[in-house]
Amino acid sequence: MGSKYILDLFLGILDHAEDVRIAAMDALMEIATRSPEPFTVSPISMLTPYMSDFTVASGYTPYMFRSLVQLGTPEAVQAAESALRRVARNEDFRKFLDILIEEGKSDVLGNMAGDNLSKQKTRLLRDALDTIEHYSSSNELS
C-alpha cells in the first residue's frame, strides 16, 4: 500500500467531520483485515507522491528534487529517478537535469538513455549528456 494513501487515511482520522473519521477508520479496519502484516513508511515515500503538487512559482519541486539528490540514499536516488521520469513540464525536466549535473550525479542520466521520452525531453537529455562529455573531456586534457 502506498504511503500516500496511509497519509490520506490519517488525515481522515484527524478530520473534524465525524463521517470522514468513520470512513477513514472503516478503511483502516478493512486494510487490517486483508493485510495484517506491518509495512514500512518512510519520509521519502510520503514526500514524493506530492512533489508535483506545488506551483511553478513556488520553486519547491526543484528544491525537493535537489534535496533527494543531495540526500543520496538508495531510496532518495530512486525517488529522484522516478520524479525525473514522471515530470510533465519540459522546463522542470531541464531543471532536474541541471541539478543532477551540478550535484555530480550524471550517472542517473545514463540510466535514462533507453527511456521512451518525448522529442523535446530526448533533445534536452542529449544536450545534458553532451555537456557532461564536454566537461569530462576538457578536464582530462587539463
N, C-alpha and C. Protein backbone atom coordinates (compact mmCIF):
# COMPACT_ATOMS: atom_id res chain seq x y z
N MET A 1 0.84 -1.18 0.00
CA MET A 1 0.00 0.00 0.00
C MET A 1 0.88 1.23 0.00
N GLY A 2 0.53 2.20 -0.82
CA GLY A 2 1.31 3.42 -0.90
C GLY A 2 1.16 4.29 0.33
N SER A 3 2.26 4.95 0.69
CA SER A 3 2.23 5.81 1.87
C SER A 3 1.30 7.00 1.67
N LYS A 4 1.06 7.40 0.42
CA LYS A 4 0.14 8.50 0.15
C LYS A 4 -1.25 8.16 0.68
N TYR A 5 -1.66 6.92 0.48
CA TYR A 5 -2.99 6.52 0.93
C TYR A 5 -3.06 6.40 2.45
N ILE A 6 -1.98 5.96 3.05
CA ILE A 6 -1.93 5.88 4.50
C ILE A 6 -2.02 7.28 5.08
N LEU A 7 -1.27 8.22 4.50
CA LEU A 7 -1.33 9.60 4.96
C LEU A 7 -2.75 10.15 4.80
N ASP A 8 -3.38 9.87 3.67
CA ASP A 8 -4.76 10.31 3.46
C ASP A 8 -5.69 9.74 4.53
N LEU A 9 -5.47 8.49 4.88
CA LEU A 9 -6.30 7.88 5.93
C LEU A 9 -6.09 8.56 7.28
N PHE A 10 -4.86 8.85 7.61
CA PHE A 10 -4.60 9.52 8.88
C PHE A 10 -5.16 10.94 8.88
N LEU A 11 -5.09 11.62 7.75
CA LEU A 11 -5.72 12.93 7.65
C LEU A 11 -7.23 12.81 7.83
N GLY A 12 -7.80 11.73 7.31
CA GLY A 12 -9.23 11.49 7.51
C GLY A 12 -9.57 11.28 8.97
N ILE A 13 -8.71 10.58 9.68
CA ILE A 13 -8.95 10.35 11.11
C ILE A 13 -8.92 11.67 11.88
N LEU A 14 -8.10 12.60 11.43
CA LEU A 14 -7.98 13.90 12.10
C LEU A 14 -9.04 14.91 11.66
N ASP A 15 -9.82 14.57 10.65
CA ASP A 15 -10.82 15.50 10.12
C ASP A 15 -11.86 15.83 11.19
N HIS A 16 -12.43 17.02 11.08
CA HIS A 16 -13.45 17.44 12.05
C HIS A 16 -14.81 16.78 11.80
N ALA A 17 -15.05 16.37 10.58
CA ALA A 17 -16.33 15.75 10.24
C ALA A 17 -16.32 14.28 10.68
N GLU A 18 -17.27 13.93 11.51
CA GLU A 18 -17.31 12.57 12.06
C GLU A 18 -17.46 11.52 10.97
N ASP A 19 -18.25 11.81 9.94
CA ASP A 19 -18.43 10.81 8.87
C ASP A 19 -17.12 10.54 8.13
N VAL A 20 -16.26 11.55 8.00
CA VAL A 20 -14.95 11.36 7.37
C VAL A 20 -14.07 10.50 8.28
N ARG A 21 -14.08 10.78 9.57
CA ARG A 21 -13.29 9.98 10.52
C ARG A 21 -13.75 8.53 10.53
N ILE A 22 -15.07 8.32 10.50
CA ILE A 22 -15.61 6.95 10.49
C ILE A 22 -15.19 6.23 9.21
N ALA A 23 -15.29 6.91 8.08
CA ALA A 23 -14.89 6.30 6.80
C ALA A 23 -13.41 5.93 6.81
N ALA A 24 -12.57 6.80 7.36
CA ALA A 24 -11.14 6.51 7.44
C ALA A 24 -10.88 5.31 8.35
N MET A 25 -11.55 5.24 9.48
CA MET A 25 -11.37 4.11 10.40
C MET A 25 -11.87 2.82 9.74
N ASP A 26 -13.01 2.88 9.04
CA ASP A 26 -13.51 1.70 8.34
C ASP A 26 -12.50 1.22 7.30
N ALA A 27 -11.90 2.16 6.58
CA ALA A 27 -10.90 1.80 5.58
C ALA A 27 -9.68 1.14 6.23
N LEU A 28 -9.22 1.69 7.36
CA LEU A 28 -8.08 1.09 8.06
C LEU A 28 -8.42 -0.30 8.58
N MET A 29 -9.64 -0.48 9.07
CA MET A 29 -10.06 -1.80 9.54
C MET A 29 -10.09 -2.79 8.38
N GLU A 30 -10.55 -2.36 7.22
CA GLU A 30 -10.58 -3.21 6.03
C GLU A 30 -9.16 -3.61 5.63
N ILE A 31 -8.25 -2.64 5.65
CA ILE A 31 -6.84 -2.92 5.33
C ILE A 31 -6.28 -3.92 6.33
N ALA A 32 -6.55 -3.71 7.61
CA ALA A 32 -6.05 -4.60 8.66
C ALA A 32 -6.59 -6.02 8.48
N THR A 33 -7.81 -6.13 8.03
CA THR A 33 -8.42 -7.44 7.81
C THR A 33 -7.77 -8.15 6.62
N ARG A 34 -7.54 -7.41 5.56
CA ARG A 34 -6.97 -8.01 4.34
C ARG A 34 -5.46 -8.22 4.42
N SER A 35 -4.76 -7.30 5.05
CA SER A 35 -3.29 -7.35 5.11
C SER A 35 -2.82 -6.98 6.50
N PRO A 36 -2.86 -7.91 7.44
CA PRO A 36 -2.49 -7.55 8.82
C PRO A 36 -0.99 -7.40 9.07
N GLU A 37 -0.15 -7.77 8.09
CA GLU A 37 1.29 -7.67 8.30
C GLU A 37 1.72 -6.20 8.29
N PRO A 38 2.77 -5.86 9.05
CA PRO A 38 3.25 -4.47 9.10
C PRO A 38 3.87 -4.05 7.77
N PHE A 39 3.91 -2.77 7.53
CA PHE A 39 4.54 -2.22 6.34
C PHE A 39 5.35 -1.00 6.75
N THR A 40 6.30 -0.64 5.92
CA THR A 40 7.21 0.46 6.21
C THR A 40 6.77 1.71 5.47
N VAL A 41 6.75 2.80 6.19
CA VAL A 41 6.50 4.12 5.60
C VAL A 41 7.70 4.98 5.95
N SER A 42 8.30 5.59 4.94
CA SER A 42 9.46 6.45 5.18
C SER A 42 9.09 7.89 4.82
N PRO A 43 9.86 8.84 5.32
CA PRO A 43 9.60 10.24 4.93
C PRO A 43 9.66 10.43 3.42
N ILE A 44 10.59 9.77 2.76
CA ILE A 44 10.70 9.94 1.31
C ILE A 44 9.48 9.38 0.61
N SER A 45 9.00 8.22 1.04
CA SER A 45 7.82 7.65 0.40
C SER A 45 6.58 8.50 0.66
N MET A 46 6.61 9.30 1.71
CA MET A 46 5.49 10.20 1.98
C MET A 46 5.62 11.51 1.19
N LEU A 47 6.83 11.94 0.92
CA LEU A 47 7.06 13.19 0.21
C LEU A 47 6.81 13.09 -1.30
N THR A 48 7.35 12.07 -1.91
CA THR A 48 7.40 12.03 -3.37
C THR A 48 6.05 12.02 -4.09
N PRO A 49 4.99 11.42 -3.54
CA PRO A 49 3.73 11.50 -4.28
C PRO A 49 3.20 12.92 -4.42
N TYR A 50 3.64 13.82 -3.55
CA TYR A 50 3.14 15.19 -3.56
C TYR A 50 4.10 16.16 -4.21
N MET A 51 5.19 15.67 -4.76
CA MET A 51 6.23 16.52 -5.30
C MET A 51 5.75 17.47 -6.39
N SER A 52 4.86 17.02 -7.21
CA SER A 52 4.42 17.86 -8.34
C SER A 52 3.16 18.66 -8.01
N ASP A 53 2.76 18.68 -6.75
CA ASP A 53 1.55 19.40 -6.37
C ASP A 53 1.77 20.90 -6.13
N PHE A 54 3.00 21.37 -6.27
CA PHE A 54 3.30 22.76 -5.97
C PHE A 54 3.31 23.58 -7.25
N THR A 55 3.03 24.88 -7.10
CA THR A 55 3.03 25.75 -8.26
C THR A 55 4.46 25.94 -8.75
N VAL A 56 4.59 26.25 -10.01
CA VAL A 56 5.90 26.51 -10.60
C VAL A 56 6.54 27.70 -9.89
N ALA A 57 5.74 28.72 -9.60
CA ALA A 57 6.26 29.94 -8.98
C ALA A 57 6.88 29.68 -7.61
N SER A 58 6.41 28.67 -6.91
CA SER A 58 6.94 28.39 -5.57
C SER A 58 8.39 27.91 -5.63
N GLY A 59 8.78 27.26 -6.74
CA GLY A 59 10.12 26.73 -6.86
C GLY A 59 10.38 25.53 -5.96
N TYR A 60 9.33 24.99 -5.36
CA TYR A 60 9.52 23.94 -4.37
C TYR A 60 9.83 22.57 -5.00
N THR A 61 9.29 22.30 -6.17
CA THR A 61 9.53 20.99 -6.79
C THR A 61 11.02 20.80 -7.11
N PRO A 62 11.68 21.76 -7.76
CA PRO A 62 13.13 21.58 -7.97
C PRO A 62 13.90 21.53 -6.64
N TYR A 63 13.46 22.28 -5.65
CA TYR A 63 14.09 22.24 -4.34
C TYR A 63 14.01 20.83 -3.75
N MET A 64 12.82 20.22 -3.82
CA MET A 64 12.66 18.85 -3.32
C MET A 64 13.53 17.88 -4.10
N PHE A 65 13.56 18.05 -5.42
CA PHE A 65 14.38 17.17 -6.25
C PHE A 65 15.84 17.27 -5.84
N ARG A 66 16.34 18.50 -5.69
CA ARG A 66 17.73 18.70 -5.28
C ARG A 66 17.98 18.04 -3.91
N SER A 67 17.04 18.18 -2.99
CA SER A 67 17.19 17.58 -1.67
C SER A 67 17.31 16.07 -1.75
N LEU A 68 16.50 15.44 -2.60
CA LEU A 68 16.58 14.00 -2.79
C LEU A 68 17.94 13.60 -3.35
N VAL A 69 18.40 14.35 -4.35
CA VAL A 69 19.69 14.05 -4.98
C VAL A 69 20.82 14.21 -3.96
N GLN A 70 20.77 15.27 -3.18
CA GLN A 70 21.81 15.52 -2.19
C GLN A 70 21.78 14.48 -1.07
N LEU A 71 20.60 14.03 -0.71
CA LEU A 71 20.49 13.01 0.34
C LEU A 71 21.25 11.76 -0.08
N GLY A 72 21.03 11.33 -1.33
CA GLY A 72 21.85 10.28 -1.92
C GLY A 72 21.63 8.87 -1.43
N THR A 73 20.66 8.63 -0.56
CA THR A 73 20.39 7.26 -0.13
C THR A 73 19.78 6.50 -1.30
N PRO A 74 19.84 5.18 -1.29
CA PRO A 74 19.24 4.42 -2.39
C PRO A 74 17.76 4.79 -2.61
N GLU A 75 17.01 4.96 -1.54
CA GLU A 75 15.60 5.33 -1.68
C GLU A 75 15.44 6.72 -2.27
N ALA A 76 16.28 7.66 -1.84
CA ALA A 76 16.20 9.04 -2.36
C ALA A 76 16.58 9.10 -3.83
N VAL A 77 17.63 8.36 -4.21
CA VAL A 77 18.05 8.35 -5.62
C VAL A 77 16.97 7.72 -6.49
N GLN A 78 16.38 6.64 -6.01
CA GLN A 78 15.29 6.00 -6.76
C GLN A 78 14.11 6.96 -6.90
N ALA A 79 13.79 7.70 -5.84
CA ALA A 79 12.68 8.66 -5.89
C ALA A 79 13.01 9.79 -6.87
N ALA A 80 14.26 10.24 -6.90
CA ALA A 80 14.66 11.29 -7.83
C ALA A 80 14.57 10.79 -9.27
N GLU A 81 15.04 9.57 -9.52
CA GLU A 81 14.94 8.99 -10.87
C GLU A 81 13.48 8.88 -11.29
N SER A 82 12.65 8.44 -10.38
CA SER A 82 11.22 8.31 -10.68
C SER A 82 10.61 9.67 -10.98
N ALA A 83 10.97 10.68 -10.20
CA ALA A 83 10.45 12.04 -10.43
C ALA A 83 10.91 12.56 -11.79
N LEU A 84 12.15 12.27 -12.14
CA LEU A 84 12.68 12.71 -13.43
C LEU A 84 11.90 12.06 -14.58
N ARG A 85 11.55 10.81 -14.42
CA ARG A 85 10.80 10.10 -15.47
C ARG A 85 9.34 10.57 -15.54
N ARG A 86 8.79 11.03 -14.42
CA ARG A 86 7.38 11.42 -14.37
C ARG A 86 7.12 12.89 -14.63
N VAL A 87 8.14 13.72 -14.55
CA VAL A 87 7.93 15.16 -14.65
C VAL A 87 7.27 15.50 -15.99
N ALA A 88 6.24 16.34 -15.93
CA ALA A 88 5.46 16.64 -17.13
C ALA A 88 6.05 17.81 -17.92
N ARG A 89 6.42 18.87 -17.25
CA ARG A 89 6.88 20.08 -17.94
C ARG A 89 8.33 19.93 -18.39
N ASN A 90 8.59 20.29 -19.63
CA ASN A 90 9.95 20.24 -20.16
C ASN A 90 10.89 21.15 -19.37
N GLU A 91 10.37 22.30 -18.92
CA GLU A 91 11.19 23.23 -18.14
C GLU A 91 11.65 22.59 -16.83
N ASP A 92 10.75 21.85 -16.18
CA ASP A 92 11.12 21.15 -14.94
C ASP A 92 12.11 20.02 -15.24
N PHE A 93 11.90 19.31 -16.34
CA PHE A 93 12.82 18.25 -16.75
C PHE A 93 14.22 18.83 -16.90
N ARG A 94 14.33 19.98 -17.57
CA ARG A 94 15.62 20.63 -17.77
C ARG A 94 16.24 21.03 -16.43
N LYS A 95 15.43 21.56 -15.52
CA LYS A 95 15.94 21.94 -14.19
C LYS A 95 16.46 20.71 -13.45
N PHE A 96 15.74 19.61 -13.55
CA PHE A 96 16.17 18.38 -12.90
C PHE A 96 17.51 17.89 -13.48
N LEU A 97 17.63 17.97 -14.81
CA LEU A 97 18.89 17.58 -15.44
C LEU A 97 20.04 18.46 -14.95
N ASP A 98 19.79 19.77 -14.89
CA ASP A 98 20.82 20.70 -14.41
C ASP A 98 21.23 20.38 -12.97
N ILE A 99 20.26 20.06 -12.14
CA ILE A 99 20.54 19.71 -10.74
C ILE A 99 21.42 18.47 -10.68
N LEU A 100 21.08 17.45 -11.46
CA LEU A 100 21.89 16.23 -11.47
C LEU A 100 23.33 16.52 -11.88
N ILE A 101 23.50 17.36 -12.89
CA ILE A 101 24.85 17.71 -13.34
C ILE A 101 25.58 18.50 -12.26
N GLU A 102 24.92 19.50 -11.69
CA GLU A 102 25.54 20.33 -10.65
C GLU A 102 25.96 19.50 -9.43
N GLU A 103 25.15 18.51 -9.10
CA GLU A 103 25.42 17.69 -7.92
C GLU A 103 26.32 16.49 -8.21
N GLY A 104 26.81 16.40 -9.46
CA GLY A 104 27.72 15.32 -9.81
C GLY A 104 27.05 13.95 -9.86
N LYS A 105 25.78 13.91 -10.19
CA LYS A 105 25.03 12.65 -10.24
C LYS A 105 24.63 12.34 -11.68
N SER A 106 25.52 12.59 -12.60
CA SER A 106 25.20 12.41 -14.01
C SER A 106 24.98 10.95 -14.39
N ASP A 107 25.39 10.01 -13.53
CA ASP A 107 25.17 8.60 -13.82
C ASP A 107 23.67 8.29 -13.95
N VAL A 108 22.84 9.06 -13.27
CA VAL A 108 21.39 8.88 -13.37
C VAL A 108 20.92 9.14 -14.80
N LEU A 109 21.56 10.09 -15.46
CA LEU A 109 21.18 10.43 -16.84
C LEU A 109 21.45 9.27 -17.79
N GLY A 110 22.56 8.58 -17.57
CA GLY A 110 22.88 7.43 -18.40
C GLY A 110 21.84 6.33 -18.28
N ASN A 111 21.22 6.21 -17.11
CA ASN A 111 20.18 5.21 -16.91
C ASN A 111 18.94 5.51 -17.74
N MET A 112 18.79 6.75 -18.18
CA MET A 112 17.59 7.15 -18.92
C MET A 112 17.76 7.07 -20.42
N ALA A 113 18.93 6.78 -20.88
CA ALA A 113 19.22 6.82 -22.32
C ALA A 113 18.26 5.96 -23.13
N GLY A 114 17.80 4.84 -22.61
CA GLY A 114 16.90 3.96 -23.35
C GLY A 114 15.42 4.24 -23.12
N ASP A 115 15.11 5.24 -22.30
CA ASP A 115 13.71 5.53 -21.99
C ASP A 115 12.99 6.10 -23.21
N ASN A 116 11.69 5.88 -23.24
CA ASN A 116 10.86 6.41 -24.30
C ASN A 116 10.39 7.81 -23.89
N LEU A 117 11.17 8.82 -24.27
CA LEU A 117 10.88 10.20 -23.90
C LEU A 117 10.31 10.95 -25.10
N SER A 118 9.67 12.08 -24.82
CA SER A 118 9.20 12.93 -25.91
C SER A 118 10.40 13.46 -26.68
N LYS A 119 10.15 14.00 -27.86
CA LYS A 119 11.25 14.53 -28.68
C LYS A 119 11.98 15.64 -27.94
N GLN A 120 11.24 16.52 -27.29
CA GLN A 120 11.85 17.63 -26.58
C GLN A 120 12.70 17.14 -25.40
N LYS A 121 12.19 16.19 -24.64
CA LYS A 121 12.94 15.67 -23.50
C LYS A 121 14.16 14.88 -23.97
N THR A 122 14.02 14.17 -25.08
CA THR A 122 15.17 13.44 -25.65
C THR A 122 16.26 14.42 -26.03
N ARG A 123 15.88 15.54 -26.64
CA ARG A 123 16.85 16.57 -27.01
C ARG A 123 17.51 17.16 -25.77
N LEU A 124 16.72 17.46 -24.75
CA LEU A 124 17.27 18.01 -23.50
C LEU A 124 18.24 17.04 -22.85
N LEU A 125 17.87 15.76 -22.84
CA LEU A 125 18.75 14.74 -22.26
C LEU A 125 20.04 14.63 -23.06
N ARG A 126 19.92 14.62 -24.38
CA ARG A 126 21.11 14.54 -25.25
C ARG A 126 22.02 15.74 -25.01
N ASP A 127 21.43 16.95 -24.89
CA ASP A 127 22.22 18.15 -24.62
C ASP A 127 22.94 18.04 -23.28
N ALA A 128 22.25 17.53 -22.28
CA ALA A 128 22.85 17.36 -20.95
C ALA A 128 24.00 16.37 -21.00
N LEU A 129 23.80 15.26 -21.70
CA LEU A 129 24.87 14.26 -21.82
C LEU A 129 26.06 14.82 -22.59
N ASP A 130 25.78 15.63 -23.62
CA ASP A 130 26.87 16.28 -24.38
C ASP A 130 27.65 17.24 -23.49
N THR A 131 26.94 17.97 -22.65
CA THR A 131 27.59 18.90 -21.71
C THR A 131 28.51 18.15 -20.77
N ILE A 132 28.03 17.04 -20.25
CA ILE A 132 28.84 16.23 -19.34
C ILE A 132 30.08 15.71 -20.05
N GLU A 133 29.88 15.22 -21.28
CA GLU A 133 31.01 14.70 -22.05
C GLU A 133 32.03 15.79 -22.33
N HIS A 134 31.53 16.99 -22.65
CA HIS A 134 32.42 18.12 -22.93
C HIS A 134 33.26 18.46 -21.70
N TYR A 135 32.62 18.54 -20.54
CA TYR A 135 33.35 18.85 -19.31
C TYR A 135 34.32 17.75 -18.94
N SER A 136 33.92 16.51 -19.18
CA SER A 136 34.80 15.37 -18.89
C SER A 136 36.05 15.41 -19.74
N SER A 137 35.85 15.62 -21.04
CA SER A 137 37.00 15.61 -21.95
C SER A 137 37.88 16.82 -21.71
N SER A 138 37.34 17.97 -21.36
CA SER A 138 38.18 19.14 -21.11
C SER A 138 38.93 18.99 -19.78
N ASN A 139 38.36 18.28 -18.82
CA ASN A 139 39.06 18.02 -17.55
C ASN A 139 40.18 17.01 -17.76
N GLU A 140 40.00 16.07 -18.67
CA GLU A 140 41.04 15.08 -18.95
C GLU A 140 42.23 15.73 -19.63
N LEU A 141 41.96 16.76 -20.43
CA LEU A 141 43.05 17.46 -21.13
C LEU A 141 43.84 18.35 -20.19
N SER A 142 43.24 18.77 -19.11
CA SER A 142 43.92 19.69 -18.18
C SER A 142 44.99 19.02 -17.37
